[in-house]
Amino acid sequence: MKTIAIPLLKTENSIGAVGPIEILTKTCALWRELTKRRSGGPLFDVQIVGERRRPVTFANGITLHPSATVSEVKPDLVVVPSIDEELDSALKKNQAYVEWVRDSFQRGAHLSSLCTGAFVLAAAGVLDGRRATTHWFSPTSSGADSLALTSRNAICWLTRAISSPAGAPLPSST
């Protein structure tokens, strides 16, 4: 069984973590239903990963409880949620997760990010020399600019086990 990890980044919005949790949990339930006549276990194990096992409460009041810590889980896939719009600050307060993403990739994990979560991948150094996308209305800052992500005319970038869905694409000007 494959392990999919969703880190509980320090961010204001819960949707970046809650969305993938909901989708992956539903996928597992549907898989069990579709295969109930055949032998086999769950499709994958979804782990909600925190720096510690303390609950995380977001600005909208939603509280998530980590099922594992960064030191406990060795995922096959990491799904990085979006981060706050003030990128430099968001990356700084999530530095432990940036390092964990880098370590996970070096151990062979596949990586995926949602919207501005691509900046976590870039800060981890796993996008060096690669093109990537982020949310089409992604904010910029001095530190974020140096991460060299583009958001023009792309919904999803996928190569060598790293994917990063972007927000809605902008119309082409060319």
C-alpha atoms as a PDB file:
ATOM      1  CA  MET A   1       0.000   0.000   0.000  1.00  0.00           C
ATOM      2  CA  LYS A   2       1.278   3.453  -0.901  1.00  0.00           C
ATOM      3  CA  THR A   3       1.443   6.250   1.665  1.00  0.00           C
ATOM      4  CA  ILE A   4       0.251   9.719   0.698  1.00  0.00           C
ATOM      5  CA  ALA A   5       1.257  12.515   3.070  1.00  0.00           C
ATOM      6  CA  ILE A   6      -0.396  15.916   3.340  1.00  0.00           C
ATOM      7  CA  PRO A   7       1.630  18.300   5.517  1.00  0.00           C
ATOM      8  CA  LEU A   8      -0.303  20.649   7.803  1.00  0.00           C
ATOM      9  CA  LEU A   9       1.479  23.800   6.723  1.00  0.00           C
ATOM     10  CA  LYS A  10       1.291  26.893   8.887  1.00  0.00           C
ATOM     11  CA  THR A  11      -1.205  28.848   6.830  1.00  0.00           C
ATOM     12  CA  GLU A  12      -4.427  30.799   7.328  1.00  0.00           C
ATOM     13  CA  ASN A  13      -6.566  28.717   4.955  1.00  0.00           C
ATOM     14  CA  SER A  14      -7.633  25.139   5.542  1.00  0.00           C
ATOM     15  CA  ILE A  15      -8.802  24.414   1.997  1.00  0.00           C
ATOM     16  CA  GLY A  16      -5.318  23.503   0.736  1.00  0.00           C
ATOM     17  CA  ALA A  17      -5.182  20.593   3.170  1.00  0.00           C
ATOM     18  CA  VAL A  18      -8.884  19.792   3.533  1.00  0.00           C
ATOM     19  CA  GLY A  19      -9.480  19.541  -0.229  1.00  0.00           C
ATOM     20  CA  PRO A  20      -6.899  16.796  -0.857  1.00  0.00           C
ATOM     21  CA  ILE A  21      -7.892  14.973   2.343  1.00  0.00           C
ATOM     22  CA  GLU A  22     -11.524  14.891   1.194  1.00  0.00           C
ATOM     23  CA  ILE A  23     -10.662  13.794  -2.351  1.00  0.00           C
ATOM     24  CA  LEU A  24      -8.222  11.079  -1.292  1.00  0.00           C
ATOM     25  CA  THR A  25     -10.488   9.764   1.482  1.00  0.00           C
ATOM     26  CA  LYS A  26     -13.407   9.553  -0.954  1.00  0.00           C
ATOM     27  CA  THR A  27     -11.204   7.815  -3.513  1.00  0.00           C
ATOM     28  CA  CYS A  28     -10.232   5.176  -0.936  1.00  0.00           C
ATOM     29  CA  ALA A  29     -13.887   4.605  -0.017  1.00  0.00           C
ATOM     30  CA  LEU A  30     -14.906   4.260  -3.670  1.00  0.00           C
ATOM     31  CA  TRP A  31     -12.007   1.885  -4.316  1.00  0.00           C
ATOM     32  CA  ARG A  32     -13.083  -0.325  -1.405  1.00  0.00           C
ATOM     33  CA  GLU A  33     -16.635  -0.376  -2.752  1.00  0.00           C
ATOM     34  CA  LEU A  34     -15.535  -1.187  -6.299  1.00  0.00           C
ATOM     35  CA  THR A  35     -13.218  -3.987  -5.188  1.00  0.00           C
ATOM     36  CA  LYS A  36     -15.263  -5.509  -2.356  1.00  0.00           C
ATOM     37  CA  ARG A  37     -15.703  -8.744  -4.293  1.00  0.00           C
ATOM     38  CA  ARG A  38     -11.970  -9.023  -4.966  1.00  0.00           C
ATOM     39  CA  SER A  39      -9.193  -9.529  -2.484  1.00  0.00           C
ATOM     40  CA  GLY A  40      -6.899  -6.653  -1.640  1.00  0.00           C
ATOM     41  CA  GLY A  41      -6.503  -3.915   0.885  1.00  0.00           C
ATOM     42  CA  PRO A  42      -6.924  -0.161   0.715  1.00  0.00           C
ATOM     43  CA  LEU A  43      -5.658   1.662  -2.335  1.00  0.00           C
ATOM     44  CA  PHE A  44      -3.423   3.923  -0.224  1.00  0.00           C
ATOM     45  CA  ASP A  45      -2.911   5.287   3.270  1.00  0.00           C
ATOM     46  CA  VAL A  46      -3.496   9.037   3.680  1.00  0.00           C
ATOM     47  CA  GLN A  47      -1.401  10.575   6.456  1.00  0.00           C
ATOM     48  CA  ILE A  48      -1.994  14.094   7.758  1.00  0.00           C
ATOM     49  CA  VAL A  49       1.488  15.173   8.771  1.00  0.00           C
ATOM     50  CA  GLY A  50       2.454  17.734  11.387  1.00  0.00           C
ATOM     51  CA  GLU A  51       5.706  18.852  12.956  1.00  0.00           C
ATOM     52  CA  ARG A  52       4.198  17.489  16.164  1.00  0.00           C
ATOM     53  CA  ARG A  53       0.994  15.610  16.914  1.00  0.00           C
ATOM     54  CA  ARG A  54      -0.751  18.736  18.202  1.00  0.00           C
ATOM     55  CA  PRO A  55      -4.011  19.749  16.475  1.00  0.00           C
ATOM     56  CA  VAL A  56      -3.794  22.643  14.009  1.00  0.00           C
ATOM     57  CA  THR A  57      -6.629  25.198  13.919  1.00  0.00           C
ATOM     58  CA  PHE A  58      -7.010  27.405  10.862  1.00  0.00           C
ATOM     59  CA  ALA A  59      -8.445  30.940  10.709  1.00  0.00           C
ATOM     60  CA  ASN A  60     -11.883  29.602   9.673  1.00  0.00           C
ATOM     61  CA  GLY A  61     -12.065  27.462  12.833  1.00  0.00           C
ATOM     62  CA  ILE A  62     -11.418  24.099  11.177  1.00  0.00           C
ATOM     63  CA  THR A  63      -9.109  21.952  13.290  1.00  0.00           C
ATOM     64  CA  LEU A  64      -7.099  19.062  11.841  1.00  0.00           C
ATOM     65  CA  HIS A  65      -5.290  16.419  13.871  1.00  0.00           C
ATOM     66  CA  PRO A  66      -2.016  15.044  12.512  1.00  0.00           C
ATOM     67  CA  SER A  67      -1.934  11.266  12.150  1.00  0.00           C
ATOM     68  CA  ALA A  68       1.877  11.310  11.933  1.00  0.00           C
ATOM     69  CA  THR A  69       4.831  13.629  12.326  1.00  0.00           C
ATOM     70  CA  VAL A  70       7.470  14.533   9.751  1.00  0.00           C
ATOM     71  CA  SER A  71       9.934  12.277  11.566  1.00  0.00           C
ATOM     72  CA  GLU A  72       7.561   9.286  11.535  1.00  0.00           C
ATOM     73  CA  VAL A  73       6.319   9.053   7.957  1.00  0.00           C
ATOM     74  CA  LYS A  74       8.251   8.123   4.816  1.00  0.00           C
ATOM     75  CA  PRO A  75       5.671   8.824   2.097  1.00  0.00           C
ATOM     76  CA  ASP A  76       5.458   7.583  -1.457  1.00  0.00           C
ATOM     77  CA  LEU A  77       3.661  10.799  -2.437  1.00  0.00           C
ATOM     78  CA  VAL A  78       3.598  14.213  -0.759  1.00  0.00           C
ATOM     79  CA  VAL A  79       0.717  16.566  -1.602  1.00  0.00           C
ATOM     80  CA  VAL A  80       1.811  20.088  -0.597  1.00  0.00           C
ATOM     81  CA  PRO A  81      -1.118  22.439   0.153  1.00  0.00           C
ATOM     82  CA  SER A  82      -1.116  26.093  -0.833  1.00  0.00           C
ATOM     83  CA  ILE A  83       0.616  28.627   1.406  1.00  0.00           C
ATOM     84  CA  ASP A  84      -0.330  32.168   2.410  1.00  0.00           C
ATOM     85  CA  GLU A  85      -0.013  35.047  -0.048  1.00  0.00           C
ATOM     86  CA  GLU A  86       2.891  36.672   1.812  1.00  0.00           C
ATOM     87  CA  LEU A  87       5.327  34.144   0.399  1.00  0.00           C
ATOM     88  CA  ASP A  88       8.548  35.106   2.176  1.00  0.00           C
ATOM     89  CA  SER A  89       6.862  34.934   5.575  1.00  0.00           C
ATOM     90  CA  ALA A  90       4.970  31.749   4.686  1.00  0.00           C
ATOM     91  CA  LEU A  91       8.124  29.970   3.547  1.00  0.00           C
ATOM     92  CA  LYS A  92      10.024  31.071   6.632  1.00  0.00           C
ATOM     93  CA  LYS A  93       7.415  29.773   9.081  1.00  0.00           C
ATOM     94  CA  ASN A  94       7.168  26.496   7.127  1.00  0.00           C
ATOM     95  CA  GLN A  95      10.910  25.883   6.830  1.00  0.00           C
ATOM     96  CA  ALA A  96      10.669  22.523   8.629  1.00  0.00           C
ATOM     97  CA  TYR A  97       8.194  21.350   5.971  1.00  0.00           C
ATOM     98  CA  VAL A  98      10.383  22.704   3.162  1.00  0.00           C
ATOM     99  CA  GLU A  99      13.251  20.561   4.468  1.00  0.00           C
ATOM    100  CA  TRP A 100      10.961  17.537   4.923  1.00  0.00           C
ATOM    101  CA  VAL A 101       9.718  17.865   1.318  1.00  0.00           C
ATOM    102  CA  ARG A 102      13.346  17.996   0.104  1.00  0.00           C
ATOM    103  CA  ASP A 103      14.272  14.937   2.196  1.00  0.00           C
ATOM    104  CA  SER A 104      11.180  13.042   1.025  1.00  0.00           C
ATOM    105  CA  PHE A 105      12.035  13.738  -2.613  1.00  0.00           C
ATOM    106  CA  GLN A 106      15.634  12.634  -2.094  1.00  0.00           C
ATOM    107  CA  ARG A 107      14.307   9.365  -0.609  1.00  0.00           C
ATOM    108  CA  GLY A 108      12.273   8.822  -3.788  1.00  0.00           C
ATOM    109  CA  ALA A 109       8.850  10.275  -2.946  1.00  0.00           C
ATOM    110  CA  HIS A 110       6.721  11.733  -5.710  1.00  0.00           C
ATOM    111  CA  LEU A 111       5.646  15.339  -5.126  1.00  0.00           C
ATOM    112  CA  SER A 112       2.536  17.315  -5.947  1.00  0.00           C
ATOM    113  CA  SER A 113       1.470  20.798  -4.902  1.00  0.00           C
ATOM    114  CA  LEU A 114      -1.639  22.922  -4.975  1.00  0.00           C
ATOM    115  CA  CYS A 115      -1.461  26.522  -6.191  1.00  0.00           C
ATOM    116  CA  THR A 116       1.153  28.439  -4.156  1.00  0.00           C
ATOM    117  CA  GLY A 117       2.371  25.180  -2.633  1.00  0.00           C
ATOM    118  CA  ALA A 118       4.644  25.142  -5.701  1.00  0.00           C
ATOM    119  CA  PHE A 119       6.749  27.728  -3.876  1.00  0.00           C
ATOM    120  CA  VAL A 120       7.399  25.144  -1.149  1.00  0.00           C
ATOM    121  CA  LEU A 121       8.681  22.764  -3.839  1.00  0.00           C
ATOM    122  CA  ALA A 122      10.848  25.535  -5.286  1.00  0.00           C
ATOM    123  CA  ALA A 123      12.220  26.505  -1.866  1.00  0.00           C
ATOM    124  CA  ALA A 124      13.048  22.828  -1.285  1.00  0.00           C
ATOM    125  CA  GLY A 125      15.181  22.942  -4.436  1.00  0.00           C
ATOM    126  CA  VAL A 126      13.298  20.163  -6.221  1.00  0.00           C
ATOM    127  CA  LEU A 127      12.261  22.420  -9.096  1.00  0.00           C
ATOM    128  CA  ASP A 128      15.770  23.638  -9.916  1.00  0.00           C
ATOM    129  CA  GLY A 129      16.199  23.630 -13.676  1.00  0.00           C
ATOM    130  CA  ARG A 130      12.545  22.750 -14.247  1.00  0.00           C
ATOM    131  CA  ARG A 131       9.554  24.785 -15.373  1.00  0.00           C
ATOM    132  CA  ALA A 132       6.618  24.888 -13.005  1.00  0.00           C
ATOM    133  CA  THR A 133       3.318  26.636 -12.517  1.00  0.00           C
ATOM    134  CA  THR A 134       1.533  28.126  -9.571  1.00  0.00           C
ATOM    135  CA  HIS A 135      -1.784  29.874  -9.058  1.00  0.00           C
ATOM    136  CA  TRP A 136      -2.390  32.342 -11.896  1.00  0.00           C
ATOM    137  CA  PHE A 137      -2.810  35.210  -9.437  1.00  0.00           C
ATOM    138  CA  SER A 138       0.172  34.205  -7.361  1.00  0.00           C
ATOM    139  CA  PRO A 139       1.700  37.044  -5.361  1.00  0.00           C
ATOM    140  CA  THR A 140       5.285  38.029  -5.781  1.00  0.00           C
ATOM    141  CA  SER A 141       8.002  39.054  -3.359  1.00  0.00           C
ATOM    142  CA  SER A 142      11.746  39.394  -3.549  1.00  0.00           C
ATOM    143  CA  GLY A 143      12.327  35.871  -2.282  1.00  0.00           C
ATOM    144  CA  ALA A 144       9.500  34.361  -4.288  1.00  0.00           C
ATOM    145  CA  ASP A 145      10.713  35.995  -7.507  1.00  0.00           C
ATOM    146  CA  SER A 146      14.002  34.163  -7.180  1.00  0.00           C
ATOM    147  CA  LEU A 147      12.089  30.870  -7.184  1.00  0.00           C
ATOM    148  CA  ALA A 148      11.288  31.509 -10.860  1.00  0.00           C
ATOM    149  CA  LEU A 149       7.842  29.963 -11.174  1.00  0.00           C
ATOM    150  CA  THR A 150       5.603  30.848 -14.069  1.00  0.00           C
ATOM    151  CA  SER A 151       1.821  30.875 -14.173  1.00  0.00           C
ATOM    152  CA  ARG A 152       1.110  31.788 -17.805  1.00  0.00           C
ATOM    153  CA  ASN A 153      -1.212  29.529 -19.783  1.00  0.00           C
ATOM    154  CA  ALA A 154      -0.793  26.405 -17.686  1.00  0.00           C
ATOM    155  CA  ILE A 155      -3.164  24.343 -15.612  1.00  0.00           C
ATOM    156  CA  CYS A 156      -0.822  21.530 -14.645  1.00  0.00           C
ATOM    157  CA  TRP A 157       2.878  20.831 -14.978  1.00  0.00           C
ATOM    158  CA  LEU A 158       3.972  17.235 -14.699  1.00  0.00           C
ATOM    159  CA  THR A 159       7.382  15.685 -15.107  1.00  0.00           C
ATOM    160  CA  ARG A 160       9.659  13.281 -13.265  1.00  0.00           C
ATOM    161  CA  ALA A 161       7.255  12.538 -10.451  1.00  0.00           C
ATOM    162  CA  ILE A 162       6.498  16.146  -9.534  1.00  0.00           C
ATOM    163  CA  SER A 163       3.161  17.762 -10.340  1.00  0.00           C
ATOM    164  CA  SER A 164       1.856  21.174  -9.457  1.00  0.00           C
ATOM    165  CA  PRO A 165      -1.703  22.118 -10.395  1.00  0.00           C
ATOM    166  CA  ALA A 166      -2.135  25.821 -10.961  1.00  0.00           C
ATOM    167  CA  GLY A 167      -5.216  27.993 -10.603  1.00  0.00           C
ATOM    168  CA  ALA A 168      -7.352  28.895 -13.583  1.00  0.00           C
ATOM    169  CA  PRO A 169      -5.200  29.696 -16.628  1.00  0.00           C
ATOM    170  CA  LEU A 170      -4.959  33.193 -18.052  1.00  0.00           C
ATOM    171  CA  PRO A 171      -5.879  33.672 -21.700  1.00  0.00           C
ATOM    172  CA  SER A 172      -2.904  33.568 -24.026  1.00  0.00           C
ATOM    173  CA  SER A 173      -1.639  36.923 -25.192  1.00  0.00           C
ATOM    174  CA  THR A 174       0.306  35.378 -28.062  1.00  0.00           C
END
